[in-house]
Amino acid sequence: MKPNQNQSSMQRQTSEEMYAYFESTTSDWTEAQELYDDWQRSQIYPYNLKVPKPPTPEMIERAQFKDKTFRWNGK
């Protein structure tokens, strides 16, 4: 018996095939190029990373270091 080889039923598309597909679906080559670029980005960056929100002034104030070991005598 041969070991079961894990082969996907879907063959992965090459970049030339994908570009040809996008050209065939649109009449404008610039739109095909944009679709292709979006497809390439989705292959390189598969995770939808979210840009962090900038801190609010309240968050900045809360994060300030306060030295609780120093005592001011008031002179």
PDB file of N, CA and C in Angstrom:
ATOM      1  N   MET A   1       0.832  -1.193   0.000  1.00  0.00           N
ATOM      2  CA  MET A   1       0.000   0.000   0.000  1.00  0.00           C
ATOM      3  C   MET A   1       0.867   1.245   0.000  1.00  0.00           C
ATOM      4  N   LYS A   2       0.457   2.181  -0.789  1.00  0.00           N
ATOM      5  CA  LYS A   2       1.158   3.458  -0.822  1.00  0.00           C
ATOM      6  C   LYS A   2       0.587   4.375   0.245  1.00  0.00           C
ATOM      7  N   PRO A   3       1.441   5.200   0.847  1.00  0.00           N
ATOM      8  CA  PRO A   3       0.908   6.164   1.817  1.00  0.00           C
ATOM      9  C   PRO A   3       0.033   7.198   1.128  1.00  0.00           C
ATOM     10  N   ASN A   4      -0.965   7.661   1.837  1.00  0.00           N
ATOM     11  CA  ASN A   4      -1.896   8.649   1.289  1.00  0.00           C
ATOM     12  C   ASN A   4      -1.177   9.987   1.133  1.00  0.00           C
ATOM     13  N   GLN A   5      -1.118  10.470  -0.073  1.00  0.00           N
ATOM     14  CA  GLN A   5      -0.471  11.747  -0.333  1.00  0.00           C
ATOM     15  C   GLN A   5      -1.514  12.848  -0.250  1.00  0.00           C
ATOM     16  N   ASN A   6      -1.224  13.861   0.548  1.00  0.00           N
ATOM     17  CA  ASN A   6      -2.153  14.990   0.692  1.00  0.00           C
ATOM     18  C   ASN A   6      -1.978  15.940  -0.474  1.00  0.00           C
ATOM     19  N   GLN A   7      -2.865  15.835  -1.412  1.00  0.00           N
ATOM     20  CA  GLN A   7      -2.842  16.739  -2.550  1.00  0.00           C
ATOM     21  C   GLN A   7      -4.151  17.494  -2.578  1.00  0.00           C
ATOM     22  N   SER A   8      -4.042  18.775  -2.707  1.00  0.00           N
ATOM     23  CA  SER A   8      -5.233  19.596  -2.750  1.00  0.00           C
ATOM     24  C   SER A   8      -5.955  19.380  -4.069  1.00  0.00           C
ATOM     25  N   SER A   9      -7.274  19.407  -4.014  1.00  0.00           N
ATOM     26  CA  SER A   9      -8.042  19.242  -5.241  1.00  0.00           C
ATOM     27  C   SER A   9      -7.965  20.492  -6.115  1.00  0.00           C
ATOM     28  N   MET A  10      -7.656  21.628  -5.482  1.00  0.00           N
ATOM     29  CA  MET A  10      -7.507  22.878  -6.249  1.00  0.00           C
ATOM     30  C   MET A  10      -6.036  23.141  -6.481  1.00  0.00           C
ATOM     31  N   GLN A  11      -5.682  23.340  -7.738  1.00  0.00           N
ATOM     32  CA  GLN A  11      -4.306  23.662  -8.049  1.00  0.00           C
ATOM     33  C   GLN A  11      -4.107  25.162  -7.874  1.00  0.00           C
ATOM     34  N   ARG A  12      -2.994  25.545  -7.309  1.00  0.00           N
ATOM     35  CA  ARG A  12      -2.726  26.958  -7.067  1.00  0.00           C
ATOM     36  C   ARG A  12      -2.442  27.668  -8.387  1.00  0.00           C
ATOM     37  N   GLN A  13      -3.046  28.833  -8.559  1.00  0.00           N
ATOM     38  CA  GLN A  13      -2.888  29.583  -9.799  1.00  0.00           C
ATOM     39  C   GLN A  13      -1.535  30.299  -9.814  1.00  0.00           C
ATOM     40  N   THR A  14      -0.910  30.349 -10.994  1.00  0.00           N
ATOM     41  CA  THR A  14       0.320  31.115 -11.125  1.00  0.00           C
ATOM     42  C   THR A  14      -0.041  32.573 -11.374  1.00  0.00           C
ATOM     43  N   SER A  15       0.928  33.435 -11.211  1.00  0.00           N
ATOM     44  CA  SER A  15       0.650  34.859 -11.374  1.00  0.00           C
ATOM     45  C   SER A  15       0.270  35.192 -12.825  1.00  0.00           C
ATOM     46  N   GLU A  16       0.874  34.491 -13.787  1.00  0.00           N
ATOM     47  CA  GLU A  16       0.530  34.751 -15.191  1.00  0.00           C
ATOM     48  C   GLU A  16      -0.913  34.345 -15.481  1.00  0.00           C
ATOM     49  N   GLU A  17      -1.329  33.217 -14.912  1.00  0.00           N
ATOM     50  CA  GLU A  17      -2.706  32.772 -15.114  1.00  0.00           C
ATOM     51  C   GLU A  17      -3.700  33.733 -14.468  1.00  0.00           C
ATOM     52  N   MET A  18      -3.362  34.223 -13.289  1.00  0.00           N
ATOM     53  CA  MET A  18      -4.257  35.156 -12.614  1.00  0.00           C
ATOM     54  C   MET A  18      -4.351  36.477 -13.383  1.00  0.00           C
ATOM     55  N   TYR A  19      -3.237  36.959 -13.896  1.00  0.00           N
ATOM     56  CA  TYR A  19      -3.269  38.204 -14.667  1.00  0.00           C
ATOM     57  C   TYR A  19      -4.098  38.017 -15.938  1.00  0.00           C
ATOM     58  N   ALA A  20      -3.936  36.869 -16.591  1.00  0.00           N
ATOM     59  CA  ALA A  20      -4.727  36.581 -17.790  1.00  0.00           C
ATOM     60  C   ALA A  20      -6.213  36.512 -17.442  1.00  0.00           C
ATOM     61  N   TYR A  21      -6.536  35.941 -16.283  1.00  0.00           N
ATOM     62  CA  TYR A  21      -7.930  35.880 -15.858  1.00  0.00           C
ATOM     63  C   TYR A  21      -8.501  37.280 -15.626  1.00  0.00           C
ATOM     64  N   PHE A  22      -7.738  38.139 -14.933  1.00  0.00           N
ATOM     65  CA  PHE A  22      -8.221  39.499 -14.675  1.00  0.00           C
ATOM     66  C   PHE A  22      -8.356  40.299 -15.966  1.00  0.00           C
ATOM     67  N   GLU A  23      -7.460  40.066 -16.931  1.00  0.00           N
ATOM     68  CA  GLU A  23      -7.583  40.742 -18.227  1.00  0.00           C
ATOM     69  C   GLU A  23      -8.822  40.267 -18.975  1.00  0.00           C
ATOM     70  N   SER A  24      -9.162  39.005 -18.827  1.00  0.00           N
ATOM     71  CA  SER A  24     -10.321  38.485 -19.547  1.00  0.00           C
ATOM     72  C   SER A  24     -11.643  38.953 -18.926  1.00  0.00           C
ATOM     73  N   THR A  25     -11.632  39.289 -17.640  1.00  0.00           N
ATOM     74  CA  THR A  25     -12.869  39.713 -16.988  1.00  0.00           C
ATOM     75  C   THR A  25     -13.146  41.197 -17.157  1.00  0.00           C
ATOM     76  N   THR A  26     -12.125  41.990 -17.490  1.00  0.00           N
ATOM     77  CA  THR A  26     -12.322  43.433 -17.659  1.00  0.00           C
ATOM     78  C   THR A  26     -11.857  43.860 -19.033  1.00  0.00           C
ATOM     79  N   SER A  27     -12.381  44.979 -19.472  1.00  0.00           N
ATOM     80  CA  SER A  27     -11.972  45.488 -20.785  1.00  0.00           C
ATOM     81  C   SER A  27     -10.836  46.504 -20.670  1.00  0.00           C
ATOM     82  N   ASP A  28     -10.606  47.013 -19.471  1.00  0.00           N
ATOM     83  CA  ASP A  28      -9.582  48.030 -19.255  1.00  0.00           C
ATOM     84  C   ASP A  28      -8.358  47.384 -18.618  1.00  0.00           C
ATOM     85  N   TRP A  29      -7.183  47.560 -19.226  1.00  0.00           N
ATOM     86  CA  TRP A  29      -5.985  46.902 -18.694  1.00  0.00           C
ATOM     87  C   TRP A  29      -5.554  47.493 -17.359  1.00  0.00           C
ATOM     88  N   THR A  30      -5.868  48.780 -17.102  1.00  0.00           N
ATOM     89  CA  THR A  30      -5.478  49.365 -15.810  1.00  0.00           C
ATOM     90  C   THR A  30      -6.308  48.755 -14.678  1.00  0.00           C
ATOM     91  N   GLU A  31      -7.574  48.477 -14.943  1.00  0.00           N
ATOM     92  CA  GLU A  31      -8.402  47.833 -13.930  1.00  0.00           C
ATOM     93  C   GLU A  31      -7.920  46.406 -13.678  1.00  0.00           C
ATOM     94  N   ALA A  32      -7.500  45.724 -14.742  1.00  0.00           N
ATOM     95  CA  ALA A  32      -6.955  44.373 -14.587  1.00  0.00           C
ATOM     96  C   ALA A  32      -5.674  44.413 -13.754  1.00  0.00           C
ATOM     97  N   GLN A  33      -4.854  45.439 -13.971  1.00  0.00           N
ATOM     98  CA  GLN A  33      -3.619  45.575 -13.202  1.00  0.00           C
ATOM     99  C   GLN A  33      -3.924  45.836 -11.726  1.00  0.00           C
ATOM    100  N   GLU A  34      -4.931  46.668 -11.445  1.00  0.00           N
ATOM    101  CA  GLU A  34      -5.314  46.936 -10.055  1.00  0.00           C
ATOM    102  C   GLU A  34      -5.841  45.668  -9.380  1.00  0.00           C
ATOM    103  N   LEU A  35      -6.670  44.899 -10.094  1.00  0.00           N
ATOM    104  CA  LEU A  35      -7.173  43.641  -9.545  1.00  0.00           C
ATOM    105  C   LEU A  35      -6.034  42.667  -9.274  1.00  0.00           C
ATOM    106  N   TYR A  36      -5.081  42.641 -10.184  1.00  0.00           N
ATOM    107  CA  TYR A  36      -3.926  41.758 -10.013  1.00  0.00           C
ATOM    108  C   TYR A  36      -3.078  42.192  -8.816  1.00  0.00           C
ATOM    109  N   ASP A  37      -2.865  43.482  -8.665  1.00  0.00           N
ATOM    110  CA  ASP A  37      -2.087  43.990  -7.530  1.00  0.00           C
ATOM    111  C   ASP A  37      -2.779  43.671  -6.208  1.00  0.00           C
ATOM    112  N   ASP A  38      -4.103  43.829  -6.175  1.00  0.00           N
ATOM    113  CA  ASP A  38      -4.857  43.480  -4.969  1.00  0.00           C
ATOM    114  C   ASP A  38      -4.733  41.992  -4.659  1.00  0.00           C
ATOM    115  N   TRP A  39      -4.783  41.164  -5.702  1.00  0.00           N
ATOM    116  CA  TRP A  39      -4.644  39.728  -5.510  1.00  0.00           C
ATOM    117  C   TRP A  39      -3.263  39.387  -4.966  1.00  0.00           C
ATOM    118  N   GLN A  40      -2.222  40.036  -5.504  1.00  0.00           N
ATOM    119  CA  GLN A  40      -0.860  39.784  -5.029  1.00  0.00           C
ATOM    120  C   GLN A  40      -0.715  40.178  -3.567  1.00  0.00           C
ATOM    121  N   ARG A  41      -1.263  41.339  -3.194  1.00  0.00           N
ATOM    122  CA  ARG A  41      -1.187  41.768  -1.792  1.00  0.00           C
ATOM    123  C   ARG A  41      -1.893  40.773  -0.876  1.00  0.00           C
ATOM    124  N   SER A  42      -3.008  40.228  -1.322  1.00  0.00           N
ATOM    125  CA  SER A  42      -3.731  39.268  -0.492  1.00  0.00           C
ATOM    126  C   SER A  42      -2.940  37.971  -0.341  1.00  0.00           C
ATOM    127  N   GLN A  43      -2.106  37.640  -1.311  1.00  0.00           N
ATOM    128  CA  GLN A  43      -1.277  36.451  -1.204  1.00  0.00           C
ATOM    129  C   GLN A  43      -0.089  36.682  -0.277  1.00  0.00           C
ATOM    130  N   ILE A  44       0.463  37.891  -0.311  1.00  0.00           N
ATOM    131  CA  ILE A  44       1.623  38.209   0.517  1.00  0.00           C
ATOM    132  C   ILE A  44       1.197  38.493   1.948  1.00  0.00           C
ATOM    133  N   TYR A  45       0.136  39.247   2.123  1.00  0.00           N
ATOM    134  CA  TYR A  45      -0.351  39.622   3.442  1.00  0.00           C
ATOM    135  C   TYR A  45      -1.728  39.002   3.663  1.00  0.00           C
ATOM    136  N   PRO A  46      -1.769  37.742   4.078  1.00  0.00           N
ATOM    137  CA  PRO A  46      -3.080  37.097   4.210  1.00  0.00           C
ATOM    138  C   PRO A  46      -3.886  37.573   5.409  1.00  0.00           C
ATOM    139  N   TYR A  47      -3.259  38.266   6.329  1.00  0.00           N
ATOM    140  CA  TYR A  47      -3.977  38.705   7.518  1.00  0.00           C
ATOM    141  C   TYR A  47      -4.372  40.161   7.375  1.00  0.00           C
ATOM    142  N   ASN A  48      -5.585  40.472   7.726  1.00  0.00           N
ATOM    143  CA  ASN A  48      -6.058  41.853   7.667  1.00  0.00           C
ATOM    144  C   ASN A  48      -5.624  42.553   8.946  1.00  0.00           C
ATOM    145  N   LEU A  49      -4.468  43.188   8.884  1.00  0.00           N
ATOM    146  CA  LEU A  49      -3.947  43.872  10.051  1.00  0.00           C
ATOM    147  C   LEU A  49      -4.617  45.225  10.180  1.00  0.00           C
ATOM    148  N   LYS A  50      -4.964  45.577  11.391  1.00  0.00           N
ATOM    149  CA  LYS A  50      -5.605  46.857  11.635  1.00  0.00           C
ATOM    150  C   LYS A  50      -4.583  47.845  12.174  1.00  0.00           C
ATOM    151  N   VAL A  51      -4.669  49.064  11.697  1.00  0.00           N
ATOM    152  CA  VAL A  51      -3.776  50.115  12.169  1.00  0.00           C
ATOM    153  C   VAL A  51      -4.258  50.558  13.549  1.00  0.00           C
ATOM    154  N   PRO A  52      -3.343  50.656  14.521  1.00  0.00           N
ATOM    155  CA  PRO A  52      -3.789  51.063  15.849  1.00  0.00           C
ATOM    156  C   PRO A  52      -4.262  52.507  15.868  1.00  0.00           C
ATOM    157  N   LYS A  53      -5.204  52.780  16.738  1.00  0.00           N
ATOM    158  CA  LYS A  53      -5.712  54.143  16.879  1.00  0.00           C
ATOM    159  C   LYS A  53      -4.705  54.969  17.672  1.00  0.00           C
ATOM    160  N   PRO A  54      -4.548  56.250  17.351  1.00  0.00           N
ATOM    161  CA  PRO A  54      -3.618  57.077  18.119  1.00  0.00           C
ATOM    162  C   PRO A  54      -4.150  57.274  19.544  1.00  0.00           C
ATOM    163  N   PRO A  55      -3.251  57.417  20.523  1.00  0.00           N
ATOM    164  CA  PRO A  55      -3.712  57.562  21.901  1.00  0.00           C
ATOM    165  C   PRO A  55      -4.406  58.899  22.126  1.00  0.00           C
ATOM    166  N   THR A  56      -5.415  58.880  22.974  1.00  0.00           N
ATOM    167  CA  THR A  56      -6.113  60.110  23.325  1.00  0.00           C
ATOM    168  C   THR A  56      -5.310  60.832  24.398  1.00  0.00           C
ATOM    169  N   PRO A  57      -5.554  62.138  24.598  1.00  0.00           N
ATOM    170  CA  PRO A  57      -4.839  62.858  25.654  1.00  0.00           C
ATOM    171  C   PRO A  57      -5.049  62.227  27.036  1.00  0.00           C
ATOM    172  N   GLU A  58      -6.227  61.668  27.272  1.00  0.00           N
ATOM    173  CA  GLU A  58      -6.484  61.010  28.555  1.00  0.00           C
ATOM    174  C   GLU A  58      -5.593  59.776  28.727  1.00  0.00           C
ATOM    175  N   MET A  59      -5.410  59.018  27.649  1.00  0.00           N
ATOM    176  CA  MET A  59      -4.555  57.839  27.707  1.00  0.00           C
ATOM    177  C   MET A  59      -3.098  58.229  27.936  1.00  0.00           C
ATOM    178  N   ILE A  60      -2.663  59.315  27.319  1.00  0.00           N
ATOM    179  CA  ILE A  60      -1.290  59.786  27.508  1.00  0.00           C
ATOM    180  C   ILE A  60      -1.083  60.223  28.952  1.00  0.00           C
ATOM    181  N   GLU A  61      -2.050  60.926  29.509  1.00  0.00           N
ATOM    182  CA  GLU A  61      -1.952  61.384  30.896  1.00  0.00           C
ATOM    183  C   GLU A  61      -1.884  60.194  31.858  1.00  0.00           C
ATOM    184  N   ARG A  62      -2.680  59.185  31.616  1.00  0.00           N
ATOM    185  CA  ARG A  62      -2.685  58.007  32.482  1.00  0.00           C
ATOM    186  C   ARG A  62      -1.373  57.234  32.412  1.00  0.00           C
ATOM    187  N   ALA A  63      -0.699  57.283  31.282  1.00  0.00           N
ATOM    188  CA  ALA A  63       0.523  56.513  31.085  1.00  0.00           C
ATOM    189  C   ALA A  63       1.772  57.217  31.611  1.00  0.00           C
ATOM    190  N   GLN A  64       1.654  58.447  32.074  1.00  0.00           N
ATOM    191  CA  GLN A  64       2.815  59.187  32.569  1.00  0.00           C
ATOM    192  C   GLN A  64       3.368  58.535  33.823  1.00  0.00           C
ATOM    193  N   PHE A  65       4.701  58.542  33.918  1.00  0.00           N
ATOM    194  CA  PHE A  65       5.360  57.964  35.086  1.00  0.00           C
ATOM    195  C   PHE A  65       5.261  58.940  36.250  1.00  0.00           C
ATOM    196  N   LYS A  66       4.871  58.440  37.400  1.00  0.00           N
ATOM    197  CA  LYS A  66       4.803  59.261  38.605  1.00  0.00           C
ATOM    198  C   LYS A  66       5.704  58.622  39.648  1.00  0.00           C
ATOM    199  N   ASP A  67       6.723  59.370  40.079  1.00  0.00           N
ATOM    200  CA  ASP A  67       7.666  58.864  41.063  1.00  0.00           C
ATOM    201  C   ASP A  67       7.049  59.003  42.443  1.00  0.00           C
ATOM    202  N   LYS A  68       6.641  57.908  43.031  1.00  0.00           N
ATOM    203  CA  LYS A  68       5.989  57.952  44.337  1.00  0.00           C
ATOM    204  C   LYS A  68       6.978  57.810  45.480  1.00  0.00           C
ATOM    205  N   THR A  69       8.277  57.663  45.182  1.00  0.00           N
ATOM    206  CA  THR A  69       9.270  57.516  46.245  1.00  0.00           C
ATOM    207  C   THR A  69       9.835  58.856  46.689  1.00  0.00           C
ATOM    208  N   PHE A  70       9.676  59.906  45.882  1.00  0.00           N
ATOM    209  CA  PHE A  70      10.248  61.211  46.225  1.00  0.00           C
ATOM    210  C   PHE A  70       9.245  62.019  47.029  1.00  0.00           C
ATOM    211  N   ARG A  71       9.730  62.625  48.135  1.00  0.00           N
ATOM    212  CA  ARG A  71       8.868  63.474  48.963  1.00  0.00           C
ATOM    213  C   ARG A  71       9.409  64.882  48.944  1.00  0.00           C
ATOM    214  N   TRP A  72       8.570  65.820  48.602  1.00  0.00           N
ATOM    215  CA  TRP A  72       8.941  67.235  48.537  1.00  0.00           C
ATOM    216  C   TRP A  72       8.673  67.875  49.887  1.00  0.00           C
ATOM    217  N   ASN A  73       9.679  68.579  50.423  1.00  0.00           N
ATOM    218  CA  ASN A  73       9.524  69.210  51.721  1.00  0.00           C
ATOM    219  C   ASN A  73       8.853  70.578  51.620  1.00  0.00           C
ATOM    220  N   GLY A  74       8.847  71.149  50.452  1.00  0.00           N
ATOM    221  CA  GLY A  74       8.168  72.416  50.232  1.00  0.00           C
ATOM    222  C   GLY A  74       8.995  73.642  50.602  1.00  0.00           C
ATOM    223  N   LYS A  75      10.319  73.593  50.717  1.00  0.00           N
ATOM    224  CA  LYS A  75      11.135  74.768  51.056  1.00  0.00           C
ATOM    225  C   LYS A  75      11.467  75.589  49.866  1.00  0.00           C
TER     226      LYS A  75
END
